Amino acid sequence: MSGSPESKAYKVGVHWLKVLFQIHLHLGGAYGLWLVFTQANFVTTLLCSVFVFLGMIGLTLGCHRLWAHRTYEAGVVMRTVLAALYTLTCQGSVYDWAITHRVHHQNHGTPLDPFNYKKGTFYCHVLSHCMENDPDIDRKKRHGDTKDLEEDNVVWAQHLVHLVGGAHLGFPSAR
């Protein structure tokens, strides 16, 4: 099977904007943690913890179970709330996350897995978010079954506003 897509080796480049975002995210998190122990009052720390928890709800119940795996159906109000909560995580759009996750499950543990665990834990959780995609992975994303996502107005609205939405949803936590 030397001609199969799994055997092709691509020189995948670094996506520098994603690298800068990851650096910003992790330095900001470390600074925030330092503030929790040195200056932040209890209410600020509690509000931050609530935002983290709500973001996890949006990611787990929304992106993962509802949109990526289609485990259940939800009305427009519930989908809107879940999309807004997911936006708190600053992990991109619901549409992109769900498609990438579907490709991950379809190709788990192969070179076409965007988060291939065989490349190590650091790759799965950090480096994979800093790299350009392999052209075969992009092809899988483009040709996958995304009709349900494309027909969901909540998914498309969040896809259009997620960059500014994440920043604005976090404003109540600022002093």
C-alpha atoms as a PDB file:
ATOM      1  CA  MET A   1       0.000   0.000   0.000  1.00  0.00           C
ATOM      2  CA  SER A   2       2.818   2.395  -0.749  1.00  0.00           C
ATOM      3  CA  GLY A   3       0.468   4.635  -2.766  1.00  0.00           C
ATOM      4  CA  SER A   4      -2.119   5.053  -0.008  1.00  0.00           C
ATOM      5  CA  PRO A   5      -2.578   8.468   1.626  1.00  0.00           C
ATOM      6  CA  GLU A   6      -1.473   6.962   4.944  1.00  0.00           C
ATOM      7  CA  SER A   7       2.026   6.307   3.575  1.00  0.00           C
ATOM      8  CA  LYS A   8       2.635   9.802   2.166  1.00  0.00           C
ATOM      9  CA  ALA A   9       4.895  12.026   4.206  1.00  0.00           C
ATOM     10  CA  TYR A  10       4.179  15.753   4.087  1.00  0.00           C
ATOM     11  CA  LYS A  11       6.368  18.518   5.359  1.00  0.00           C
ATOM     12  CA  VAL A  12       3.728  20.291   7.415  1.00  0.00           C
ATOM     13  CA  GLY A  13       4.540  23.888   8.264  1.00  0.00           C
ATOM     14  CA  VAL A  14       4.071  25.946  11.371  1.00  0.00           C
ATOM     15  CA  HIS A  15       1.043  28.266  11.457  1.00  0.00           C
ATOM     16  CA  TRP A  16       2.654  31.232  13.204  1.00  0.00           C
ATOM     17  CA  LEU A  17      -0.584  33.042  14.033  1.00  0.00           C
ATOM     18  CA  LYS A  18      -1.753  29.918  15.879  1.00  0.00           C
ATOM     19  CA  VAL A  19       1.612  29.699  17.653  1.00  0.00           C
ATOM     20  CA  LEU A  20       1.295  33.318  18.804  1.00  0.00           C
ATOM     21  CA  PHE A  21      -2.253  32.638  19.995  1.00  0.00           C
ATOM     22  CA  GLN A  22      -1.096  29.576  21.984  1.00  0.00           C
ATOM     23  CA  ILE A  23       1.745  31.573  23.557  1.00  0.00           C
ATOM     24  CA  HIS A  24      -0.659  34.392  24.434  1.00  0.00           C
ATOM     25  CA  LEU A  25      -3.210  31.928  25.824  1.00  0.00           C
ATOM     26  CA  HIS A  26      -0.735  30.071  28.026  1.00  0.00           C
ATOM     27  CA  LEU A  27       1.099  33.173  29.269  1.00  0.00           C
ATOM     28  CA  GLY A  28      -2.248  34.810  30.011  1.00  0.00           C
ATOM     29  CA  GLY A  29      -3.353  31.710  31.891  1.00  0.00           C
ATOM     30  CA  ALA A  30      -0.138  31.614  33.912  1.00  0.00           C
ATOM     31  CA  TYR A  31      -0.478  35.323  34.714  1.00  0.00           C
ATOM     32  CA  GLY A  32      -4.110  34.813  35.702  1.00  0.00           C
ATOM     33  CA  LEU A  33      -3.140  31.953  37.994  1.00  0.00           C
ATOM     34  CA  TRP A  34      -0.453  34.136  39.579  1.00  0.00           C
ATOM     35  CA  LEU A  35      -3.065  36.878  40.137  1.00  0.00           C
ATOM     36  CA  VAL A  36      -5.426  34.373  41.779  1.00  0.00           C
ATOM     37  CA  PHE A  37      -2.839  33.699  44.466  1.00  0.00           C
ATOM     38  CA  THR A  38      -1.494  37.236  44.854  1.00  0.00           C
ATOM     39  CA  GLN A  39      -4.092  39.930  44.081  1.00  0.00           C
ATOM     40  CA  ALA A  40      -7.480  38.737  42.844  1.00  0.00           C
ATOM     41  CA  ASN A  41     -10.407  38.983  45.199  1.00  0.00           C
ATOM     42  CA  PHE A  42     -12.672  36.026  45.837  1.00  0.00           C
ATOM     43  CA  VAL A  43     -15.497  37.208  43.549  1.00  0.00           C
ATOM     44  CA  THR A  44     -13.155  37.625  40.570  1.00  0.00           C
ATOM     45  CA  THR A  45     -11.700  34.153  41.119  1.00  0.00           C
ATOM     46  CA  LEU A  46     -15.182  32.677  41.499  1.00  0.00           C
ATOM     47  CA  LEU A  47     -16.409  34.393  38.319  1.00  0.00           C
ATOM     48  CA  CYS A  48     -13.383  33.125  36.380  1.00  0.00           C
ATOM     49  CA  SER A  49     -14.018  29.590  37.656  1.00  0.00           C
ATOM     50  CA  VAL A  50     -17.672  29.840  36.623  1.00  0.00           C
ATOM     51  CA  PHE A  51     -16.643  31.007  33.127  1.00  0.00           C
ATOM     52  CA  VAL A  52     -14.246  28.057  32.788  1.00  0.00           C
ATOM     53  CA  PHE A  53     -16.963  25.638  33.891  1.00  0.00           C
ATOM     54  CA  LEU A  54     -19.520  27.166  31.497  1.00  0.00           C
ATOM     55  CA  GLY A  55     -17.018  26.966  28.639  1.00  0.00           C
ATOM     56  CA  MET A  56     -16.505  23.280  29.414  1.00  0.00           C
ATOM     57  CA  ILE A  57     -20.293  22.771  29.296  1.00  0.00           C
ATOM     58  CA  GLY A  58     -20.442  24.473  25.878  1.00  0.00           C
ATOM     59  CA  LEU A  59     -17.564  22.361  24.589  1.00  0.00           C
ATOM     60  CA  THR A  60     -18.706  19.018  25.992  1.00  0.00           C
ATOM     61  CA  LEU A  61     -22.477  19.220  25.562  1.00  0.00           C
ATOM     62  CA  GLY A  62     -22.435  21.467  22.504  1.00  0.00           C
ATOM     63  CA  CYS A  63     -19.464  20.927  20.210  1.00  0.00           C
ATOM     64  CA  HIS A  64     -18.636  17.393  21.218  1.00  0.00           C
ATOM     65  CA  ARG A  65     -21.924  15.613  21.924  1.00  0.00           C
ATOM     66  CA  LEU A  66     -24.453  17.712  19.940  1.00  0.00           C
ATOM     67  CA  TRP A  67     -22.592  18.913  16.857  1.00  0.00           C
ATOM     68  CA  ALA A  68     -19.658  16.520  16.370  1.00  0.00           C
ATOM     69  CA  HIS A  69     -21.327  13.234  17.355  1.00  0.00           C
ATOM     70  CA  ARG A  70     -25.005  14.169  16.834  1.00  0.00           C
ATOM     71  CA  THR A  71     -25.868  12.357  20.075  1.00  0.00           C
ATOM     72  CA  TYR A  72     -29.049  14.333  20.681  1.00  0.00           C
ATOM     73  CA  GLU A  73     -31.189  17.103  19.209  1.00  0.00           C
ATOM     74  CA  ALA A  74     -31.701  20.516  20.783  1.00  0.00           C
ATOM     75  CA  GLY A  75     -33.942  23.483  20.129  1.00  0.00           C
ATOM     76  CA  VAL A  76     -32.681  26.815  18.872  1.00  0.00           C
ATOM     77  CA  VAL A  77     -32.481  28.380  22.345  1.00  0.00           C
ATOM     78  CA  MET A  78     -30.406  25.515  23.768  1.00  0.00           C
ATOM     79  CA  ARG A  79     -28.139  25.486  20.687  1.00  0.00           C
ATOM     80  CA  THR A  80     -27.633  29.253  21.000  1.00  0.00           C
ATOM     81  CA  VAL A  81     -26.731  28.985  24.692  1.00  0.00           C
ATOM     82  CA  LEU A  82     -24.321  26.096  24.030  1.00  0.00           C
ATOM     83  CA  ALA A  83     -22.666  27.968  21.139  1.00  0.00           C
ATOM     84  CA  ALA A  84     -22.234  31.079  23.311  1.00  0.00           C
ATOM     85  CA  LEU A  85     -20.783  29.009  26.147  1.00  0.00           C
ATOM     86  CA  TYR A  86     -18.412  27.226  23.758  1.00  0.00           C
ATOM     87  CA  THR A  87     -17.248  30.618  22.458  1.00  0.00           C
ATOM     88  CA  LEU A  88     -15.850  31.293  25.956  1.00  0.00           C
ATOM     89  CA  THR A  89     -13.205  28.602  25.320  1.00  0.00           C
ATOM     90  CA  CYS A  90     -11.631  30.555  22.423  1.00  0.00           C
ATOM     91  CA  GLN A  91     -11.140  27.319  20.450  1.00  0.00           C
ATOM     92  CA  GLY A  92     -12.495  28.646  17.167  1.00  0.00           C
ATOM     93  CA  SER A  93     -15.859  28.088  15.578  1.00  0.00           C
ATOM     94  CA  VAL A  94     -18.298  25.286  16.343  1.00  0.00           C
ATOM     95  CA  TYR A  95     -18.257  24.387  12.643  1.00  0.00           C
ATOM     96  CA  ASP A  96     -14.473  23.944  12.464  1.00  0.00           C
ATOM     97  CA  TRP A  97     -14.279  22.115  15.801  1.00  0.00           C
ATOM     98  CA  ALA A  98     -17.028  19.629  14.898  1.00  0.00           C
ATOM     99  CA  ILE A  99     -15.587  18.858  11.449  1.00  0.00           C
ATOM    100  CA  THR A 100     -12.073  18.391  12.827  1.00  0.00           C
ATOM    101  CA  HIS A 101     -13.392  16.127  15.577  1.00  0.00           C
ATOM    102  CA  ARG A 102     -15.311  14.005  13.065  1.00  0.00           C
ATOM    103  CA  VAL A 103     -12.155  13.580  10.970  1.00  0.00           C
ATOM    104  CA  HIS A 104     -10.264  12.692  14.163  1.00  0.00           C
ATOM    105  CA  HIS A 105     -12.688   9.853  14.965  1.00  0.00           C
ATOM    106  CA  GLN A 106     -12.856   8.580  11.381  1.00  0.00           C
ATOM    107  CA  ASN A 107      -9.048   8.327  11.213  1.00  0.00           C
ATOM    108  CA  HIS A 108      -8.086   7.715  14.854  1.00  0.00           C
ATOM    109  CA  GLY A 109      -4.443   6.734  15.251  1.00  0.00           C
ATOM    110  CA  THR A 110      -3.586   7.063  11.557  1.00  0.00           C
ATOM    111  CA  PRO A 111      -1.529   9.771   9.822  1.00  0.00           C
ATOM    112  CA  LEU A 112      -4.863  11.330   8.785  1.00  0.00           C
ATOM    113  CA  ASP A 113      -5.819  11.906  12.433  1.00  0.00           C
ATOM    114  CA  PRO A 114      -5.369  15.651  13.105  1.00  0.00           C
ATOM    115  CA  PHE A 115      -4.481  14.848  16.763  1.00  0.00           C
ATOM    116  CA  ASN A 116      -2.621  11.577  16.177  1.00  0.00           C
ATOM    117  CA  TYR A 117      -1.821  10.177  19.621  1.00  0.00           C
ATOM    118  CA  LYS A 118       1.087   8.199  18.172  1.00  0.00           C
ATOM    119  CA  LYS A 119       2.983  11.502  17.890  1.00  0.00           C
ATOM    120  CA  GLY A 120       2.819  11.989  21.658  1.00  0.00           C
ATOM    121  CA  THR A 121       0.743  13.795  24.244  1.00  0.00           C
ATOM    122  CA  PHE A 122       2.355  17.201  23.655  1.00  0.00           C
ATOM    123  CA  TYR A 123       1.573  16.934  19.943  1.00  0.00           C
ATOM    124  CA  CYS A 124      -2.051  15.933  20.616  1.00  0.00           C
ATOM    125  CA  HIS A 125      -2.786  18.802  22.963  1.00  0.00           C
ATOM    126  CA  VAL A 126      -0.492  21.639  21.858  1.00  0.00           C
ATOM    127  CA  LEU A 127       1.543  21.154  18.671  1.00  0.00           C
ATOM    128  CA  SER A 128      -1.387  19.937  16.567  1.00  0.00           C
ATOM    129  CA  HIS A 129      -3.023  23.319  17.244  1.00  0.00           C
ATOM    130  CA  CYS A 130       0.069  25.172  15.975  1.00  0.00           C
ATOM    131  CA  MET A 131       0.608  23.397  12.653  1.00  0.00           C
ATOM    132  CA  GLU A 132      -0.783  23.749   9.162  1.00  0.00           C
ATOM    133  CA  ASN A 133      -2.978  20.791   8.304  1.00  0.00           C
ATOM    134  CA  ASP A 134      -1.766  17.959   6.127  1.00  0.00           C
ATOM    135  CA  PRO A 135      -3.418  18.416   2.672  1.00  0.00           C
ATOM    136  CA  ASP A 136      -5.086  14.992   3.010  1.00  0.00           C
ATOM    137  CA  ILE A 137      -6.647  16.026   6.325  1.00  0.00           C
ATOM    138  CA  ASP A 138      -7.957  19.222   4.721  1.00  0.00           C
ATOM    139  CA  ARG A 139      -9.400  17.131   1.903  1.00  0.00           C
ATOM    140  CA  LYS A 140     -11.154  14.877   4.445  1.00  0.00           C
ATOM    141  CA  LYS A 141     -12.608  17.961   6.141  1.00  0.00           C
ATOM    142  CA  ARG A 142     -13.906  19.388   2.863  1.00  0.00           C
ATOM    143  CA  HIS A 143     -15.496  16.147   1.702  1.00  0.00           C
ATOM    144  CA  GLY A 144     -16.929  14.928   5.011  1.00  0.00           C
ATOM    145  CA  ASP A 145     -20.608  14.864   5.915  1.00  0.00           C
ATOM    146  CA  THR A 146     -21.256  18.408   7.123  1.00  0.00           C
ATOM    147  CA  LYS A 147     -24.783  18.968   5.849  1.00  0.00           C
ATOM    148  CA  ASP A 148     -26.227  19.109   9.378  1.00  0.00           C
ATOM    149  CA  LEU A 149     -23.717  21.794  10.388  1.00  0.00           C
ATOM    150  CA  GLU A 150     -24.232  23.805   7.215  1.00  0.00           C
ATOM    151  CA  GLU A 151     -28.006  23.829   7.751  1.00  0.00           C
ATOM    152  CA  ASP A 152     -27.779  24.947  11.394  1.00  0.00           C
ATOM    153  CA  ASN A 153     -28.183  28.741  11.582  1.00  0.00           C
ATOM    154  CA  VAL A 154     -26.763  28.840  15.123  1.00  0.00           C
ATOM    155  CA  VAL A 155     -23.564  27.120  13.962  1.00  0.00           C
ATOM    156  CA  TRP A 156     -23.163  29.588  11.094  1.00  0.00           C
ATOM    157  CA  ALA A 157     -23.888  32.637  13.247  1.00  0.00           C
ATOM    158  CA  GLN A 158     -21.259  31.506  15.764  1.00  0.00           C
ATOM    159  CA  HIS A 159     -18.840  30.766  12.902  1.00  0.00           C
ATOM    160  CA  LEU A 160     -19.174  34.377  11.728  1.00  0.00           C
ATOM    161  CA  VAL A 161     -18.758  36.059  15.135  1.00  0.00           C
ATOM    162  CA  HIS A 162     -16.565  33.701  17.189  1.00  0.00           C
ATOM    163  CA  LEU A 163     -13.437  35.861  16.932  1.00  0.00           C
ATOM    164  CA  VAL A 164     -15.038  38.939  18.467  1.00  0.00           C
ATOM    165  CA  GLY A 165     -17.571  36.970  20.494  1.00  0.00           C
ATOM    166  CA  GLY A 166     -14.988  35.287  22.709  1.00  0.00           C
ATOM    167  CA  ALA A 167     -13.395  38.583  23.644  1.00  0.00           C
ATOM    168  CA  HIS A 168     -16.719  40.271  24.389  1.00  0.00           C
ATOM    169  CA  LEU A 169     -18.093  37.394  26.451  1.00  0.00           C
ATOM    170  CA  GLY A 170     -15.061  37.696  28.724  1.00  0.00           C
ATOM    171  CA  PHE A 171     -15.487  41.426  29.431  1.00  0.00           C
ATOM    172  CA  PRO A 172     -17.623  40.982  32.579  1.00  0.00           C
ATOM    173  CA  SER A 173     -14.610  39.375  34.283  1.00  0.00           C
ATOM    174  CA  ALA A 174     -12.406  42.432  33.663  1.00  0.00           C
ATOM    175  CA  ARG A 175     -12.155  45.120  36.312  1.00  0.00           C
END
